Amino acid sequence: MPSWILLLALWAPPEKILYLTHSAGFRHDSLPVSQQALFDIGARTGKLQITATEDLSALNNLSEYAAVAFFTSGELALSDTQKESLLAFIRNGGGFAGFHSATDTLYTWPEYGDLIGARFDGHPWTQSVRIDIEDPDHPSVPISRLPSRSPKKSISFVNSHATKCEC
């Protein structure tokens, strides 16, 4: 790679991420912690600028963002215009991430179900589970080193579009 490309990448402004944390259902106590974690990652790397909000009107204009991330729950009161804007944003190359309860959101909007890939179906039990790490060299692995069996709260999904999920 030519060194001038690397220099341009280092001088690039941080990517703006809209982090929507609206709770129309169960409100998770971890929301402030999740926001702080994203702020810290942005500050440490200089690559992300996080706009955290519970205000659904933030979806009215996504043009300044590189990605939208949901940590939401329940049936969000989104207008048809907001729904279409979000889908158009993604179709045009904008990023989307859904954290934790994002699968417990917008059950009555089929396109969101397609976007998120699965629907939350409850916490049926807490038990020891085996975690298979498919790619030990992936950057997320060092921060998530877990014993081969670990007591975790299980999450069930329905209509999962995942190809390698053993949920």
N, C-alpha and C. Protein backbone atom coordinates (compact mmCIF):
# COMPACT_ATOMS: atom_id res chain seq x y z
N MET A 1 0.85 -1.17 0.00
CA MET A 1 0.00 0.00 0.00
C MET A 1 0.89 1.23 0.00
N PRO A 2 0.61 2.17 -0.89
CA PRO A 2 1.40 3.41 -0.90
C PRO A 2 1.26 4.15 0.43
N SER A 3 2.34 4.75 0.88
CA SER A 3 2.34 5.42 2.18
C SER A 3 1.37 6.60 2.22
N TRP A 4 1.12 7.25 1.08
CA TRP A 4 0.20 8.39 1.09
C TRP A 4 -1.23 7.94 1.41
N ILE A 5 -1.60 6.71 1.05
CA ILE A 5 -2.94 6.20 1.39
C ILE A 5 -3.04 6.01 2.90
N LEU A 6 -1.99 5.49 3.50
CA LEU A 6 -1.97 5.31 4.94
C LEU A 6 -2.08 6.66 5.65
N LEU A 7 -1.35 7.65 5.16
CA LEU A 7 -1.42 8.99 5.76
C LEU A 7 -2.82 9.57 5.66
N LEU A 8 -3.48 9.40 4.52
CA LEU A 8 -4.85 9.88 4.37
C LEU A 8 -5.78 9.20 5.37
N ALA A 9 -5.60 7.90 5.55
CA ALA A 9 -6.44 7.17 6.50
C ALA A 9 -6.22 7.67 7.92
N LEU A 10 -4.99 7.99 8.27
CA LEU A 10 -4.70 8.48 9.62
C LEU A 10 -5.28 9.86 9.85
N TRP A 11 -5.38 10.66 8.81
CA TRP A 11 -5.91 12.01 8.94
C TRP A 11 -7.41 12.10 8.70
N ALA A 12 -8.02 11.01 8.37
CA ALA A 12 -9.45 11.01 8.09
C ALA A 12 -10.22 11.40 9.36
N PRO A 13 -11.28 12.17 9.18
CA PRO A 13 -12.09 12.52 10.36
C PRO A 13 -12.77 11.27 10.90
N PRO A 14 -13.15 11.29 12.16
CA PRO A 14 -13.82 10.12 12.73
C PRO A 14 -15.17 9.89 12.07
N GLU A 15 -15.55 8.62 11.99
CA GLU A 15 -16.86 8.26 11.46
C GLU A 15 -17.93 8.59 12.51
N LYS A 16 -19.01 9.22 12.07
CA LYS A 16 -20.10 9.56 12.98
C LYS A 16 -21.09 8.40 13.05
N ILE A 17 -21.39 7.97 14.26
CA ILE A 17 -22.30 6.86 14.51
C ILE A 17 -23.47 7.37 15.35
N LEU A 18 -24.70 7.12 14.89
CA LEU A 18 -25.89 7.41 15.68
C LEU A 18 -26.20 6.19 16.52
N TYR A 19 -26.19 6.34 17.83
CA TYR A 19 -26.46 5.25 18.77
C TYR A 19 -27.81 5.50 19.42
N LEU A 20 -28.84 4.79 18.95
CA LEU A 20 -30.20 4.99 19.41
C LEU A 20 -30.51 4.02 20.55
N THR A 21 -30.90 4.57 21.71
CA THR A 21 -31.12 3.75 22.90
C THR A 21 -32.53 3.91 23.45
N HIS A 22 -33.49 4.15 22.59
CA HIS A 22 -34.88 4.33 23.01
C HIS A 22 -35.45 3.01 23.53
N SER A 23 -36.13 3.07 24.66
CA SER A 23 -36.77 1.89 25.23
C SER A 23 -38.27 2.09 25.24
N ALA A 24 -38.97 1.33 24.40
CA ALA A 24 -40.42 1.33 24.41
C ALA A 24 -40.93 0.07 25.11
N GLY A 25 -40.00 -0.76 25.54
CA GLY A 25 -40.30 -1.99 26.28
C GLY A 25 -39.43 -2.01 27.51
N PHE A 26 -38.81 -3.14 27.78
CA PHE A 26 -37.93 -3.28 28.93
C PHE A 26 -36.72 -2.35 28.78
N ARG A 27 -36.43 -1.59 29.82
CA ARG A 27 -35.27 -0.70 29.81
C ARG A 27 -34.12 -1.38 30.53
N HIS A 28 -33.03 -1.58 29.82
CA HIS A 28 -31.87 -2.26 30.38
C HIS A 28 -31.01 -1.30 31.19
N ASP A 29 -30.59 -1.75 32.37
CA ASP A 29 -29.72 -0.95 33.23
C ASP A 29 -28.36 -0.69 32.60
N SER A 30 -28.00 -1.50 31.62
CA SER A 30 -26.67 -1.39 31.01
C SER A 30 -26.57 -0.30 29.94
N LEU A 31 -27.65 0.41 29.64
CA LEU A 31 -27.59 1.44 28.60
C LEU A 31 -26.52 2.49 28.85
N PRO A 32 -26.43 3.09 30.05
CA PRO A 32 -25.38 4.09 30.27
C PRO A 32 -23.97 3.50 30.13
N VAL A 33 -23.80 2.27 30.56
CA VAL A 33 -22.49 1.61 30.44
C VAL A 33 -22.14 1.40 28.97
N SER A 34 -23.14 0.99 28.19
CA SER A 34 -22.88 0.76 26.76
C SER A 34 -22.52 2.07 26.07
N GLN A 35 -23.20 3.14 26.42
CA GLN A 35 -22.87 4.45 25.83
C GLN A 35 -21.44 4.84 26.18
N GLN A 36 -21.08 4.69 27.45
CA GLN A 36 -19.73 5.07 27.88
C GLN A 36 -18.68 4.23 27.18
N ALA A 37 -18.97 2.95 26.99
CA ALA A 37 -18.02 2.07 26.30
C ALA A 37 -17.78 2.57 24.87
N LEU A 38 -18.85 2.95 24.18
CA LEU A 38 -18.68 3.46 22.82
C LEU A 38 -17.95 4.80 22.80
N PHE A 39 -18.28 5.68 23.75
CA PHE A 39 -17.55 6.95 23.85
C PHE A 39 -16.06 6.69 24.08
N ASP A 40 -15.75 5.74 24.97
CA ASP A 40 -14.35 5.42 25.27
C ASP A 40 -13.62 4.86 24.05
N ILE A 41 -14.28 3.98 23.31
CA ILE A 41 -13.66 3.44 22.10
C ILE A 41 -13.39 4.56 21.11
N GLY A 42 -14.35 5.45 20.94
CA GLY A 42 -14.16 6.59 20.04
C GLY A 42 -13.01 7.47 20.47
N ALA A 43 -12.92 7.76 21.77
CA ALA A 43 -11.85 8.61 22.28
C ALA A 43 -10.49 7.93 22.15
N ARG A 44 -10.45 6.63 22.45
CA ARG A 44 -9.19 5.90 22.40
C ARG A 44 -8.65 5.76 20.97
N THR A 45 -9.55 5.51 20.03
CA THR A 45 -9.11 5.26 18.66
C THR A 45 -9.09 6.52 17.80
N GLY A 46 -9.91 7.49 18.16
CA GLY A 46 -10.04 8.68 17.32
C GLY A 46 -10.77 8.40 16.02
N LYS A 47 -11.37 7.22 15.89
CA LYS A 47 -12.00 6.81 14.64
C LYS A 47 -13.51 6.91 14.66
N LEU A 48 -14.12 7.07 15.84
CA LEU A 48 -15.57 7.12 15.96
C LEU A 48 -16.00 8.35 16.73
N GLN A 49 -17.07 8.95 16.26
CA GLN A 49 -17.73 10.03 17.00
C GLN A 49 -19.16 9.57 17.24
N ILE A 50 -19.50 9.32 18.49
CA ILE A 50 -20.78 8.72 18.85
C ILE A 50 -21.77 9.81 19.23
N THR A 51 -22.96 9.75 18.63
CA THR A 51 -24.09 10.56 19.05
C THR A 51 -25.09 9.61 19.68
N ALA A 52 -25.18 9.63 20.99
CA ALA A 52 -26.11 8.74 21.71
C ALA A 52 -27.37 9.51 22.03
N THR A 53 -28.52 8.90 21.73
CA THR A 53 -29.79 9.57 21.98
C THR A 53 -30.91 8.56 22.14
N GLU A 54 -31.94 8.96 22.87
CA GLU A 54 -33.18 8.19 22.94
C GLU A 54 -34.23 8.81 22.03
N ASP A 55 -33.92 9.92 21.41
CA ASP A 55 -34.86 10.70 20.61
C ASP A 55 -35.02 10.08 19.21
N LEU A 56 -36.21 9.54 18.95
CA LEU A 56 -36.47 8.89 17.67
C LEU A 56 -36.40 9.85 16.49
N SER A 57 -36.56 11.14 16.73
CA SER A 57 -36.49 12.10 15.63
C SER A 57 -35.09 12.17 15.04
N ALA A 58 -34.10 11.62 15.73
CA ALA A 58 -32.74 11.58 15.17
C ALA A 58 -32.70 10.77 13.89
N LEU A 59 -33.68 9.89 13.68
CA LEU A 59 -33.74 9.10 12.46
C LEU A 59 -34.28 9.89 11.26
N ASN A 60 -34.70 11.12 11.50
CA ASN A 60 -35.26 11.93 10.42
C ASN A 60 -34.22 12.36 9.40
N ASN A 61 -32.97 12.48 9.84
CA ASN A 61 -31.90 12.90 8.93
C ASN A 61 -30.63 12.13 9.28
N LEU A 62 -30.33 11.13 8.47
CA LEU A 62 -29.17 10.28 8.73
C LEU A 62 -27.98 10.64 7.85
N SER A 63 -28.09 11.70 7.08
CA SER A 63 -27.06 12.02 6.08
C SER A 63 -25.68 12.28 6.67
N GLU A 64 -25.59 12.70 7.91
CA GLU A 64 -24.28 12.99 8.50
C GLU A 64 -23.61 11.77 9.12
N TYR A 65 -24.31 10.62 9.15
CA TYR A 65 -23.80 9.45 9.83
C TYR A 65 -23.25 8.39 8.87
N ALA A 66 -22.26 7.67 9.35
CA ALA A 66 -21.73 6.53 8.61
C ALA A 66 -22.50 5.26 8.97
N ALA A 67 -23.06 5.23 10.18
CA ALA A 67 -23.78 4.05 10.64
C ALA A 67 -24.79 4.42 11.72
N VAL A 68 -25.76 3.55 11.89
CA VAL A 68 -26.76 3.65 12.95
C VAL A 68 -26.67 2.37 13.77
N ALA A 69 -26.69 2.52 15.09
CA ALA A 69 -26.66 1.37 15.98
C ALA A 69 -27.86 1.46 16.92
N PHE A 70 -28.57 0.34 17.07
CA PHE A 70 -29.74 0.27 17.95
C PHE A 70 -29.40 -0.54 19.20
N PHE A 71 -29.72 0.01 20.37
CA PHE A 71 -29.84 -0.75 21.62
C PHE A 71 -31.22 -0.33 22.12
N THR A 72 -32.24 -0.92 21.52
CA THR A 72 -33.62 -0.49 21.68
C THR A 72 -34.45 -1.67 22.17
N SER A 73 -35.69 -1.38 22.55
CA SER A 73 -36.61 -2.45 22.90
C SER A 73 -38.04 -1.99 22.65
N GLY A 74 -38.90 -2.93 22.34
CA GLY A 74 -40.31 -2.64 22.17
C GLY A 74 -40.66 -2.09 20.79
N GLU A 75 -41.92 -1.73 20.65
CA GLU A 75 -42.41 -1.17 19.40
C GLU A 75 -42.13 0.33 19.38
N LEU A 76 -41.06 0.70 18.72
CA LEU A 76 -40.70 2.11 18.61
C LEU A 76 -41.73 2.83 17.74
N ALA A 77 -42.10 4.02 18.12
CA ALA A 77 -43.10 4.79 17.39
C ALA A 77 -42.45 5.49 16.19
N LEU A 78 -42.01 4.70 15.22
CA LEU A 78 -41.39 5.25 14.02
C LEU A 78 -42.45 5.49 12.96
N SER A 79 -42.33 6.61 12.29
CA SER A 79 -43.24 6.89 11.18
C SER A 79 -42.81 6.07 9.97
N ASP A 80 -43.71 5.95 9.00
CA ASP A 80 -43.35 5.26 7.76
C ASP A 80 -42.18 5.95 7.08
N THR A 81 -42.12 7.27 7.18
CA THR A 81 -41.01 8.03 6.59
C THR A 81 -39.69 7.67 7.26
N GLN A 82 -39.69 7.57 8.58
CA GLN A 82 -38.47 7.20 9.31
C GLN A 82 -38.03 5.78 8.95
N LYS A 83 -38.98 4.88 8.83
CA LYS A 83 -38.65 3.50 8.45
C LYS A 83 -38.02 3.46 7.07
N GLU A 84 -38.65 4.14 6.12
CA GLU A 84 -38.11 4.14 4.76
C GLU A 84 -36.76 4.84 4.70
N SER A 85 -36.59 5.90 5.49
CA SER A 85 -35.29 6.60 5.52
C SER A 85 -34.19 5.69 6.04
N LEU A 86 -34.48 4.92 7.08
CA LEU A 86 -33.49 4.00 7.63
C LEU A 86 -33.11 2.94 6.59
N LEU A 87 -34.12 2.35 5.94
CA LEU A 87 -33.84 1.34 4.92
C LEU A 87 -33.06 1.93 3.74
N ALA A 88 -33.43 3.14 3.31
CA ALA A 88 -32.72 3.79 2.20
C ALA A 88 -31.28 4.08 2.59
N PHE A 89 -31.07 4.52 3.82
CA PHE A 89 -29.72 4.80 4.33
C PHE A 89 -28.85 3.55 4.22
N ILE A 90 -29.40 2.42 4.63
CA ILE A 90 -28.64 1.16 4.59
C ILE A 90 -28.43 0.70 3.15
N ARG A 91 -29.49 0.78 2.33
CA ARG A 91 -29.35 0.39 0.91
C ARG A 91 -28.28 1.21 0.20
N ASN A 92 -28.09 2.44 0.64
CA ASN A 92 -27.10 3.33 0.01
C ASN A 92 -25.73 3.24 0.66
N GLY A 93 -25.50 2.21 1.46
CA GLY A 93 -24.17 1.98 2.00
C GLY A 93 -23.96 2.34 3.44
N GLY A 94 -24.97 2.88 4.12
CA GLY A 94 -24.84 3.18 5.54
C GLY A 94 -24.80 1.91 6.35
N GLY A 95 -24.10 1.94 7.45
CA GLY A 95 -23.97 0.76 8.30
C GLY A 95 -25.10 0.65 9.30
N PHE A 96 -25.32 -0.56 9.77
CA PHE A 96 -26.31 -0.79 10.82
C PHE A 96 -25.78 -1.86 11.76
N ALA A 97 -25.97 -1.62 13.07
CA ALA A 97 -25.63 -2.62 14.09
C ALA A 97 -26.77 -2.67 15.09
N GLY A 98 -27.06 -3.85 15.56
CA GLY A 98 -28.07 -4.02 16.59
C GLY A 98 -27.42 -4.65 17.81
N PHE A 99 -27.50 -3.97 18.94
CA PHE A 99 -26.92 -4.48 20.18
C PHE A 99 -28.00 -5.08 21.07
N HIS A 100 -27.69 -6.20 21.67
CA HIS A 100 -28.47 -6.90 22.68
C HIS A 100 -29.97 -6.92 22.35
N SER A 101 -30.75 -6.00 22.90
CA SER A 101 -32.20 -6.07 22.77
C SER A 101 -32.72 -5.51 21.44
N ALA A 102 -31.84 -5.19 20.53
CA ALA A 102 -32.29 -4.73 19.21
C ALA A 102 -33.12 -5.80 18.51
N THR A 103 -32.95 -7.07 18.91
CA THR A 103 -33.78 -8.14 18.36
C THR A 103 -35.15 -8.17 19.03
N ASP A 104 -35.34 -7.38 20.08
CA ASP A 104 -36.60 -7.29 20.82
C ASP A 104 -37.30 -5.98 20.48
N THR A 105 -37.24 -5.61 19.23
CA THR A 105 -37.71 -4.30 18.77
C THR A 105 -38.47 -4.45 17.46
N LEU A 106 -39.50 -3.64 17.31
CA LEU A 106 -40.19 -3.47 16.02
C LEU A 106 -40.71 -4.79 15.43
N TYR A 107 -41.40 -5.55 16.24
CA TYR A 107 -41.95 -6.84 15.79
C TYR A 107 -42.97 -6.69 14.67
N THR A 108 -43.65 -5.56 14.60
CA THR A 108 -44.70 -5.38 13.59
C THR A 108 -44.18 -4.83 12.27
N TRP A 109 -42.87 -4.63 12.17
CA TRP A 109 -42.28 -4.12 10.93
C TRP A 109 -41.45 -5.25 10.31
N PRO A 110 -41.99 -5.95 9.32
CA PRO A 110 -41.29 -7.12 8.75
C PRO A 110 -39.90 -6.81 8.19
N GLU A 111 -39.73 -5.65 7.58
CA GLU A 111 -38.43 -5.30 7.01
C GLU A 111 -37.35 -5.18 8.09
N TYR A 112 -37.74 -4.74 9.27
CA TYR A 112 -36.77 -4.67 10.37
C TYR A 112 -36.37 -6.08 10.79
N GLY A 113 -37.33 -6.99 10.79
CA GLY A 113 -37.00 -8.38 11.09
C GLY A 113 -35.99 -8.94 10.11
N ASP A 114 -36.15 -8.60 8.83
CA ASP A 114 -35.17 -9.02 7.83
C ASP A 114 -33.82 -8.38 8.08
N LEU A 115 -33.83 -7.10 8.45
CA LEU A 115 -32.59 -6.37 8.70
C LEU A 115 -31.83 -6.94 9.90
N ILE A 116 -32.52 -7.17 11.00
CA ILE A 116 -31.86 -7.62 12.22
C ILE A 116 -31.52 -9.11 12.17
N GLY A 117 -32.25 -9.87 11.39
CA GLY A 117 -31.89 -11.26 11.15
C GLY A 117 -32.46 -12.29 12.10
N ALA A 118 -33.00 -11.88 13.23
CA ALA A 118 -33.60 -12.82 14.18
C ALA A 118 -34.46 -12.02 15.15
N ARG A 119 -35.35 -12.71 15.84
CA ARG A 119 -36.20 -12.06 16.83
C ARG A 119 -35.98 -12.68 18.20
N PHE A 120 -35.91 -11.84 19.21
CA PHE A 120 -35.80 -12.28 20.59
C PHE A 120 -37.03 -13.11 20.96
N ASP A 121 -36.80 -14.22 21.64
CA ASP A 121 -37.90 -15.10 22.01
C ASP A 121 -37.83 -15.45 23.49
N GLY A 122 -37.15 -14.65 24.28
CA GLY A 122 -37.14 -14.86 25.72
C GLY A 122 -35.81 -15.34 26.27
N HIS A 123 -35.74 -15.32 27.60
CA HIS A 123 -34.62 -15.86 28.38
C HIS A 123 -35.15 -17.10 29.08
N PRO A 124 -35.12 -18.25 28.43
CA PRO A 124 -35.78 -19.40 29.02
C PRO A 124 -35.04 -20.05 30.20
N TRP A 125 -33.75 -19.87 30.31
CA TRP A 125 -33.01 -20.55 31.36
C TRP A 125 -31.63 -19.93 31.50
N THR A 126 -31.01 -20.22 32.61
CA THR A 126 -29.60 -19.91 32.81
C THR A 126 -28.90 -21.24 33.00
N GLN A 127 -27.87 -21.48 32.23
CA GLN A 127 -27.16 -22.75 32.30
C GLN A 127 -25.75 -22.59 31.77
N SER A 128 -24.94 -23.60 31.95
CA SER A 128 -23.61 -23.60 31.35
C SER A 128 -23.76 -23.84 29.86
N VAL A 129 -23.04 -23.08 29.10
CA VAL A 129 -23.06 -23.24 27.64
C VAL A 129 -21.65 -23.36 27.12
N ARG A 130 -21.50 -24.07 26.01
CA ARG A 130 -20.20 -24.16 25.35
C ARG A 130 -20.13 -23.06 24.30
N ILE A 131 -19.00 -22.38 24.27
CA ILE A 131 -18.78 -21.32 23.30
C ILE A 131 -17.71 -21.78 22.33
N ASP A 132 -18.08 -21.89 21.07
CA ASP A 132 -17.14 -22.29 20.03
C ASP A 132 -16.60 -21.05 19.35
N ILE A 133 -15.31 -20.84 19.40
CA ILE A 133 -14.68 -19.71 18.73
C ILE A 133 -14.25 -20.17 17.35
N GLU A 134 -14.94 -19.68 16.32
CA GLU A 134 -14.66 -20.12 14.96
C GLU A 134 -13.40 -19.49 14.38
N ASP A 135 -13.10 -18.27 14.80
CA ASP A 135 -11.93 -17.58 14.27
C ASP A 135 -11.14 -17.00 15.44
N PRO A 136 -10.17 -17.75 15.99
CA PRO A 136 -9.43 -17.27 17.17
C PRO A 136 -8.58 -16.04 16.89
N ASP A 137 -8.37 -15.69 15.61
CA ASP A 137 -7.58 -14.52 15.28
C ASP A 137 -8.43 -13.27 15.08
N HIS A 138 -9.76 -13.40 15.21
CA HIS A 138 -10.63 -12.24 15.03
C HIS A 138 -10.35 -11.22 16.15
N PRO A 139 -10.38 -9.92 15.82
CA PRO A 139 -10.05 -8.89 16.84
C PRO A 139 -10.93 -8.93 18.09
N SER A 140 -12.13 -9.45 18.00
CA SER A 140 -13.00 -9.47 19.17
C SER A 140 -12.63 -10.56 20.17
N VAL A 141 -11.87 -11.54 19.77
CA VAL A 141 -11.58 -12.68 20.64
C VAL A 141 -10.76 -12.30 21.87
N PRO A 142 -9.70 -11.52 21.77
CA PRO A 142 -8.91 -11.23 22.98
C PRO A 142 -9.70 -10.58 24.11
N ILE A 143 -10.73 -9.79 23.79
CA ILE A 143 -11.50 -9.15 24.85
C ILE A 143 -12.61 -10.05 25.37
N SER A 144 -12.81 -11.19 24.74
CA SER A 144 -13.90 -12.06 25.18
C SER A 144 -13.42 -13.45 25.53
N ARG A 145 -12.19 -13.59 25.98
CA ARG A 145 -11.68 -14.91 26.37
C ARG A 145 -12.56 -15.47 27.48
N LEU A 146 -13.15 -16.59 27.20
CA LEU A 146 -14.04 -17.22 28.16
C LEU A 146 -13.63 -18.67 28.35
N PRO A 147 -13.90 -19.23 29.52
CA PRO A 147 -13.66 -20.66 29.67
C PRO A 147 -14.58 -21.42 28.71
N SER A 148 -14.23 -22.67 28.42
CA SER A 148 -15.02 -23.44 27.47
C SER A 148 -16.45 -23.66 27.95
N ARG A 149 -16.65 -23.62 29.24
CA ARG A 149 -18.02 -23.69 29.79
C ARG A 149 -18.17 -22.53 30.76
N SER A 150 -19.22 -21.78 30.57
CA SER A 150 -19.41 -20.59 31.37
C SER A 150 -20.90 -20.41 31.67
N PRO A 151 -21.28 -20.13 32.92
CA PRO A 151 -22.71 -19.89 33.18
C PRO A 151 -23.13 -18.56 32.55
N LYS A 152 -24.09 -18.63 31.70
CA LYS A 152 -24.58 -17.44 31.00
C LYS A 152 -26.09 -17.49 30.95
N LYS A 153 -26.70 -16.31 30.87
CA LYS A 153 -28.13 -16.25 30.64
C LYS A 153 -28.35 -16.52 29.16
N SER A 154 -29.10 -17.55 28.86
CA SER A 154 -29.36 -17.91 27.47
C SER A 154 -30.38 -16.97 26.87
N ILE A 155 -30.27 -16.77 25.58
CA ILE A 155 -31.22 -15.96 24.82
C ILE A 155 -31.71 -16.82 23.68
N SER A 156 -33.02 -16.91 23.53
CA SER A 156 -33.58 -17.67 22.42
C SER A 156 -34.02 -16.70 21.32
N PHE A 157 -33.81 -17.14 20.08
CA PHE A 157 -34.22 -16.35 18.93
C PHE A 157 -35.16 -17.18 18.08
N VAL A 158 -36.05 -16.52 17.36
CA VAL A 158 -36.89 -17.17 16.36
C VAL A 158 -36.61 -16.53 15.01
N ASN A 159 -36.82 -17.29 13.96
CA ASN A 159 -36.63 -16.80 12.59
C ASN A 159 -35.23 -16.29 12.36
N SER A 160 -34.26 -16.98 12.89
CA SER A 160 -32.88 -16.54 12.73
C SER A 160 -32.41 -16.73 11.30
N HIS A 161 -31.76 -15.71 10.76
CA HIS A 161 -31.18 -15.78 9.43
C HIS A 161 -29.69 -16.12 9.49
N ALA A 162 -29.18 -16.32 10.70
CA ALA A 162 -27.75 -16.61 10.86
C ALA A 162 -27.42 -17.95 10.23
N THR A 163 -26.23 -18.04 9.65
CA THR A 163 -25.85 -19.27 8.98
C THR A 163 -25.13 -20.23 9.91
N LYS A 164 -24.51 -19.74 10.97
CA LYS A 164 -23.75 -20.62 11.84
C LYS A 164 -24.14 -20.43 13.30
N CYS A 165 -25.37 -20.10 13.54
CA CYS A 165 -25.80 -19.84 14.91
C CYS A 165 -26.37 -21.10 15.53
N GLU A 166 -25.87 -21.46 16.69
CA GLU A 166 -26.43 -22.54 17.48
C GLU A 166 -26.94 -21.92 18.77
N CYS A 167 -27.96 -21.10 18.65
CA CYS A 167 -28.47 -20.32 19.78
C CYS A 167 -29.34 -21.16 20.68
